[in-house]
Amino acid sequence: MSFMNWTTAPTLRKVVCTHANAEKYVVTDVLTPGKEYDVKNETDEFIFIVDNTGKVGGYYKTYFE
């Protein structure tokens, strides 16, 4: 399972969080607007980053630029 190696995988690129205003989910605890994050994997709808908890999490691309 490749997702188990994402924390040690090389960073694909870096993205900057633009906002943490979610309608449905609470992301203010794990994303900081203006902070740069390492992208570990990416799909059409989600970006998987190492968030403020130090773990890899999947978030909608609308939070980043």
PDB file of N, CA and C in Angstrom:
ATOM      1  N   MET A   1       0.841  -1.180   0.000  1.00  0.00           N
ATOM      2  CA  MET A   1       0.000   0.000   0.000  1.00  0.00           C
ATOM      3  C   MET A   1       0.887   1.245   0.000  1.00  0.00           C
ATOM      4  N   SER A   2       0.821   1.999  -1.054  1.00  0.00           N
ATOM      5  CA  SER A   2       1.721   3.136  -1.199  1.00  0.00           C
ATOM      6  C   SER A   2       1.433   4.269  -0.220  1.00  0.00           C
ATOM      7  N   PHE A   3       0.195   4.407   0.251  1.00  0.00           N
ATOM      8  CA  PHE A   3      -0.126   5.501   1.159  1.00  0.00           C
ATOM      9  C   PHE A   3       0.596   5.364   2.496  1.00  0.00           C
ATOM     10  N   MET A   4       1.048   4.180   2.842  1.00  0.00           N
ATOM     11  CA  MET A   4       1.752   3.989   4.107  1.00  0.00           C
ATOM     12  C   MET A   4       3.160   4.579   4.059  1.00  0.00           C
ATOM     13  N   ASN A   5       3.675   4.849   2.881  1.00  0.00           N
ATOM     14  CA  ASN A   5       5.025   5.395   2.727  1.00  0.00           C
ATOM     15  C   ASN A   5       5.032   6.882   2.411  1.00  0.00           C
ATOM     16  N   TRP A   6       3.885   7.540   2.430  1.00  0.00           N
ATOM     17  CA  TRP A   6       3.821   8.949   2.044  1.00  0.00           C
ATOM     18  C   TRP A   6       4.597   9.859   2.981  1.00  0.00           C
ATOM     19  N   THR A   7       4.692   9.553   4.249  1.00  0.00           N
ATOM     20  CA  THR A   7       5.407  10.443   5.170  1.00  0.00           C
ATOM     21  C   THR A   7       6.897  10.470   4.870  1.00  0.00           C
ATOM     22  N   THR A   8       7.444   9.371   4.371  1.00  0.00           N
ATOM     23  CA  THR A   8       8.874   9.321   4.064  1.00  0.00           C
ATOM     24  C   THR A   8       9.154   9.544   2.584  1.00  0.00           C
ATOM     25  N   ALA A   9       8.122   9.631   1.771  1.00  0.00           N
ATOM     26  CA  ALA A   9       8.291   9.839   0.329  1.00  0.00           C
ATOM     27  C   ALA A   9       8.817  11.239   0.042  1.00  0.00           C
ATOM     28  N   PRO A  10       9.521  11.416  -1.070  1.00  0.00           N
ATOM     29  CA  PRO A  10       9.986  12.771  -1.416  1.00  0.00           C
ATOM     30  C   PRO A  10       8.813  13.703  -1.703  1.00  0.00           C
ATOM     31  N   THR A  11       9.013  14.971  -1.435  1.00  0.00           N
ATOM     32  CA  THR A  11       7.984  15.986  -1.655  1.00  0.00           C
ATOM     33  C   THR A  11       7.840  16.254  -3.142  1.00  0.00           C
ATOM     34  N   LEU A  12       6.596  16.235  -3.638  1.00  0.00           N
ATOM     35  CA  LEU A  12       6.338  16.504  -5.051  1.00  0.00           C
ATOM     36  C   LEU A  12       6.479  17.987  -5.363  1.00  0.00           C
ATOM     37  N   ARG A  13       5.923  18.815  -4.510  1.00  0.00           N
ATOM     38  CA  ARG A  13       5.991  20.274  -4.638  1.00  0.00           C
ATOM     39  C   ARG A  13       5.500  20.878  -3.342  1.00  0.00           C
ATOM     40  N   LYS A  14       5.493  22.187  -3.267  1.00  0.00           N
ATOM     41  CA  LYS A  14       5.000  22.883  -2.079  1.00  0.00           C
ATOM     42  C   LYS A  14       3.809  23.743  -2.477  1.00  0.00           C
ATOM     43  N   VAL A  15       2.839  23.839  -1.568  1.00  0.00           N
ATOM     44  CA  VAL A  15       1.665  24.675  -1.787  1.00  0.00           C
ATOM     45  C   VAL A  15       1.466  25.568  -0.570  1.00  0.00           C
ATOM     46  N   VAL A  16       0.780  26.685  -0.785  1.00  0.00           N
ATOM     47  CA  VAL A  16       0.484  27.624   0.289  1.00  0.00           C
ATOM     48  C   VAL A  16      -1.010  27.576   0.574  1.00  0.00           C
ATOM     49  N   CYS A  17      -1.361  27.467   1.842  1.00  0.00           N
ATOM     50  CA  CYS A  17      -2.770  27.451   2.251  1.00  0.00           C
ATOM     51  C   CYS A  17      -3.323  28.866   2.133  1.00  0.00           C
ATOM     52  N   THR A  18      -4.441  29.019   1.434  1.00  0.00           N
ATOM     53  CA  THR A  18      -5.024  30.349   1.255  1.00  0.00           C
ATOM     54  C   THR A  18      -6.101  30.650   2.286  1.00  0.00           C
ATOM     55  N   HIS A  19      -6.830  29.616   2.729  1.00  0.00           N
ATOM     56  CA  HIS A  19      -7.868  29.830   3.742  1.00  0.00           C
ATOM     57  C   HIS A  19      -8.173  28.508   4.429  1.00  0.00           C
ATOM     58  N   ALA A  20      -8.823  28.586   5.572  1.00  0.00           N
ATOM     59  CA  ALA A  20      -9.236  27.389   6.315  1.00  0.00           C
ATOM     60  C   ALA A  20     -10.711  27.492   6.689  1.00  0.00           C
ATOM     61  N   ASN A  21     -11.487  28.161   5.841  1.00  0.00           N
ATOM     62  CA  ASN A  21     -12.918  28.333   6.075  1.00  0.00           C
ATOM     63  C   ASN A  21     -13.679  27.221   5.374  1.00  0.00           C
ATOM     64  N   ALA A  22     -13.972  26.173   6.099  1.00  0.00           N
ATOM     65  CA  ALA A  22     -14.675  25.032   5.511  1.00  0.00           C
ATOM     66  C   ALA A  22     -16.143  25.082   5.888  1.00  0.00           C
ATOM     67  N   GLU A  23     -16.990  24.684   4.958  1.00  0.00           N
ATOM     68  CA  GLU A  23     -18.426  24.654   5.231  1.00  0.00           C
ATOM     69  C   GLU A  23     -18.807  23.448   6.078  1.00  0.00           C
ATOM     70  N   LYS A  24     -18.213  22.308   5.781  1.00  0.00           N
ATOM     71  CA  LYS A  24     -18.620  21.060   6.395  1.00  0.00           C
ATOM     72  C   LYS A  24     -17.663  20.535   7.460  1.00  0.00           C
ATOM     73  N   TYR A  25     -16.381  20.691   7.233  1.00  0.00           N
ATOM     74  CA  TYR A  25     -15.378  20.054   8.068  1.00  0.00           C
ATOM     75  C   TYR A  25     -14.591  21.082   8.863  1.00  0.00           C
ATOM     76  N   VAL A  26     -14.004  20.666   9.965  1.00  0.00           N
ATOM     77  CA  VAL A  26     -13.161  21.543  10.782  1.00  0.00           C
ATOM     78  C   VAL A  26     -11.715  21.351  10.340  1.00  0.00           C
ATOM     79  N   VAL A  27     -11.175  22.314   9.636  1.00  0.00           N
ATOM     80  CA  VAL A  27      -9.796  22.228   9.192  1.00  0.00           C
ATOM     81  C   VAL A  27      -8.924  23.310   9.822  1.00  0.00           C
ATOM     82  N   THR A  28      -9.507  24.163  10.633  1.00  0.00           N
ATOM     83  CA  THR A  28      -8.742  25.240  11.250  1.00  0.00           C
ATOM     84  C   THR A  28      -7.721  24.717  12.249  1.00  0.00           C
ATOM     85  N   ASP A  29      -7.906  23.512  12.758  1.00  0.00           N
ATOM     86  CA  ASP A  29      -6.957  22.944  13.711  1.00  0.00           C
ATOM     87  C   ASP A  29      -5.724  22.368  13.023  1.00  0.00           C
ATOM     88  N   VAL A  30      -5.824  22.036  11.748  1.00  0.00           N
ATOM     89  CA  VAL A  30      -4.720  21.366  11.061  1.00  0.00           C
ATOM     90  C   VAL A  30      -4.137  22.158   9.892  1.00  0.00           C
ATOM     91  N   LEU A  31      -4.796  23.239   9.467  1.00  0.00           N
ATOM     92  CA  LEU A  31      -4.280  24.094   8.399  1.00  0.00           C
ATOM     93  C   LEU A  31      -4.155  25.523   8.892  1.00  0.00           C
ATOM     94  N   THR A  32      -3.074  26.173   8.510  1.00  0.00           N
ATOM     95  CA  THR A  32      -2.839  27.564   8.865  1.00  0.00           C
ATOM     96  C   THR A  32      -2.750  28.383   7.583  1.00  0.00           C
ATOM     97  N   PRO A  33      -3.647  29.344   7.383  1.00  0.00           N
ATOM     98  CA  PRO A  33      -3.569  30.175   6.180  1.00  0.00           C
ATOM     99  C   PRO A  33      -2.230  30.910   6.098  1.00  0.00           C
ATOM    100  N   GLY A  34      -1.633  30.903   4.914  1.00  0.00           N
ATOM    101  CA  GLY A  34      -0.352  31.552   4.700  1.00  0.00           C
ATOM    102  C   GLY A  34       0.841  30.630   4.893  1.00  0.00           C
ATOM    103  N   LYS A  35       0.636  29.453   5.458  1.00  0.00           N
ATOM    104  CA  LYS A  35       1.726  28.517   5.689  1.00  0.00           C
ATOM    105  C   LYS A  35       1.944  27.641   4.459  1.00  0.00           C
ATOM    106  N   GLU A  36       3.203  27.280   4.222  1.00  0.00           N
ATOM    107  CA  GLU A  36       3.567  26.438   3.082  1.00  0.00           C
ATOM    108  C   GLU A  36       3.618  24.978   3.539  1.00  0.00           C
ATOM    109  N   TYR A  37       3.045  24.081   2.734  1.00  0.00           N
ATOM    110  CA  TYR A  37       2.966  22.665   3.065  1.00  0.00           C
ATOM    111  C   TYR A  37       3.605  21.819   1.965  1.00  0.00           C
ATOM    112  N   ASP A  38       4.156  20.673   2.356  1.00  0.00           N
ATOM    113  CA  ASP A  38       4.749  19.724   1.420  1.00  0.00           C
ATOM    114  C   ASP A  38       3.679  18.801   0.855  1.00  0.00           C
ATOM    115  N   VAL A  39       3.602  18.713  -0.464  1.00  0.00           N
ATOM    116  CA  VAL A  39       2.643  17.824  -1.123  1.00  0.00           C
ATOM    117  C   VAL A  39       3.276  16.454  -1.279  1.00  0.00           C
ATOM    118  N   LYS A  40       2.594  15.431  -0.769  1.00  0.00           N
ATOM    119  CA  LYS A  40       3.077  14.057  -0.866  1.00  0.00           C
ATOM    120  C   LYS A  40       2.385  13.269  -1.965  1.00  0.00           C
ATOM    121  N   ASN A  41       1.140  13.605  -2.275  1.00  0.00           N
ATOM    122  CA  ASN A  41       0.399  12.947  -3.347  1.00  0.00           C
ATOM    123  C   ASN A  41      -0.721  13.889  -3.778  1.00  0.00           C
ATOM    124  N   GLU A  42      -1.264  13.641  -4.969  1.00  0.00           N
ATOM    125  CA  GLU A  42      -2.290  14.532  -5.503  1.00  0.00           C
ATOM    126  C   GLU A  42      -3.227  13.745  -6.410  1.00  0.00           C
ATOM    127  N   THR A  43      -4.520  14.071  -6.335  1.00  0.00           N
ATOM    128  CA  THR A  43      -5.515  13.513  -7.249  1.00  0.00           C
ATOM    129  C   THR A  43      -6.210  14.684  -7.929  1.00  0.00           C
ATOM    130  N   ASP A  44      -7.264  14.406  -8.686  1.00  0.00           N
ATOM    131  CA  ASP A  44      -7.993  15.476  -9.371  1.00  0.00           C
ATOM    132  C   ASP A  44      -8.660  16.428  -8.388  1.00  0.00           C
ATOM    133  N   GLU A  45      -9.128  15.912  -7.258  1.00  0.00           N
ATOM    134  CA  GLU A  45      -9.905  16.713  -6.314  1.00  0.00           C
ATOM    135  C   GLU A  45      -9.172  17.029  -5.011  1.00  0.00           C
ATOM    136  N   PHE A  46      -8.213  16.189  -4.629  1.00  0.00           N
ATOM    137  CA  PHE A  46      -7.570  16.319  -3.323  1.00  0.00           C
ATOM    138  C   PHE A  46      -6.064  16.494  -3.440  1.00  0.00           C
ATOM    139  N   ILE A  47      -5.496  17.133  -2.417  1.00  0.00           N
ATOM    140  CA  ILE A  47      -4.054  17.215  -2.228  1.00  0.00           C
ATOM    141  C   ILE A  47      -3.757  16.566  -0.888  1.00  0.00           C
ATOM    142  N   PHE A  48      -2.767  15.700  -0.860  1.00  0.00           N
ATOM    143  CA  PHE A  48      -2.358  15.038   0.364  1.00  0.00           C
ATOM    144  C   PHE A  48      -1.066  15.689   0.840  1.00  0.00           C
ATOM    145  N   ILE A  49      -1.134  16.328   2.014  1.00  0.00           N
ATOM    146  CA  ILE A  49      -0.015  17.101   2.539  1.00  0.00           C
ATOM    147  C   ILE A  49       0.329  16.640   3.950  1.00  0.00           C
ATOM    148  N   VAL A  50       1.509  17.048   4.409  1.00  0.00           N
ATOM    149  CA  VAL A  50       1.861  16.876   5.810  1.00  0.00           C
ATOM    150  C   VAL A  50       1.334  18.117   6.520  1.00  0.00           C
ATOM    151  N   ASP A  51       0.283  17.938   7.328  1.00  0.00           N
ATOM    152  CA  ASP A  51      -0.379  19.082   7.956  1.00  0.00           C
ATOM    153  C   ASP A  51       0.263  19.434   9.297  1.00  0.00           C
ATOM    154  N   ASN A  52      -0.396  20.297  10.077  1.00  0.00           N
ATOM    155  CA  ASN A  52       0.155  20.774  11.347  1.00  0.00           C
ATOM    156  C   ASN A  52       0.305  19.681  12.392  1.00  0.00           C
ATOM    157  N   THR A  53      -0.375  18.560  12.232  1.00  0.00           N
ATOM    158  CA  THR A  53      -0.246  17.457  13.185  1.00  0.00           C
ATOM    159  C   THR A  53       0.989  16.612  12.909  1.00  0.00           C
ATOM    160  N   GLY A  54       1.618  16.804  11.752  1.00  0.00           N
ATOM    161  CA  GLY A  54       2.781  16.017  11.379  1.00  0.00           C
ATOM    162  C   GLY A  54       2.425  14.752  10.624  1.00  0.00           C
ATOM    163  N   LYS A  55       1.145  14.558  10.358  1.00  0.00           N
ATOM    164  CA  LYS A  55       0.683  13.387   9.621  1.00  0.00           C
ATOM    165  C   LYS A  55       0.199  13.816   8.246  1.00  0.00           C
ATOM    166  N   VAL A  56       0.074  12.861   7.346  1.00  0.00           N
ATOM    167  CA  VAL A  56      -0.418  13.146   6.000  1.00  0.00           C
ATOM    168  C   VAL A  56      -1.938  13.161   6.032  1.00  0.00           C
ATOM    169  N   GLY A  57      -2.515  14.226   5.494  1.00  0.00           N
ATOM    170  CA  GLY A  57      -3.965  14.358   5.414  1.00  0.00           C
ATOM    171  C   GLY A  57      -4.370  14.792   4.033  1.00  0.00           C
ATOM    172  N   GLY A  58      -5.583  14.410   3.633  1.00  0.00           N
ATOM    173  CA  GLY A  58      -6.095  14.783   2.318  1.00  0.00           C
ATOM    174  C   GLY A  58      -7.076  15.931   2.436  1.00  0.00           C
ATOM    175  N   TYR A  59      -6.895  16.961   1.618  1.00  0.00           N
ATOM    176  CA  TYR A  59      -7.718  18.168   1.669  1.00  0.00           C
ATOM    177  C   TYR A  59      -8.125  18.577   0.268  1.00  0.00           C
ATOM    178  N   TYR A  60      -9.264  19.245   0.158  1.00  0.00           N
ATOM    179  CA  TYR A  60      -9.696  19.774  -1.141  1.00  0.00           C
ATOM    180  C   TYR A  60      -8.671  20.774  -1.658  1.00  0.00           C
ATOM    181  N   LYS A  61      -8.512  20.824  -2.949  1.00  0.00           N
ATOM    182  CA  LYS A  61      -7.551  21.744  -3.563  1.00  0.00           C
ATOM    183  C   LYS A  61      -7.942  23.205  -3.392  1.00  0.00           C
ATOM    184  N   THR A  62      -9.201  23.467  -3.033  1.00  0.00           N
ATOM    185  CA  THR A  62      -9.653  24.847  -2.896  1.00  0.00           C
ATOM    186  C   THR A  62      -8.994  25.575  -1.734  1.00  0.00           C
ATOM    187  N   TYR A  63      -8.377  24.848  -0.808  1.00  0.00           N
ATOM    188  CA  TYR A  63      -7.696  25.479   0.327  1.00  0.00           C
ATOM    189  C   TYR A  63      -6.312  25.994  -0.017  1.00  0.00           C
ATOM    190  N   PHE A  64      -5.805  25.648  -1.197  1.00  0.00           N
ATOM    191  CA  PHE A  64      -4.417  25.946  -1.550  1.00  0.00           C
ATOM    192  C   PHE A  64      -4.322  26.680  -2.877  1.00  0.00           C
ATOM    193  N   GLU A  65      -3.161  27.319  -3.079  1.00  0.00           N
ATOM    194  CA  GLU A  65      -2.891  27.959  -4.369  1.00  0.00           C
ATOM    195  C   GLU A  65      -1.707  27.300  -5.023  1.00  0.00           C
TER     196      GLU A  65
END
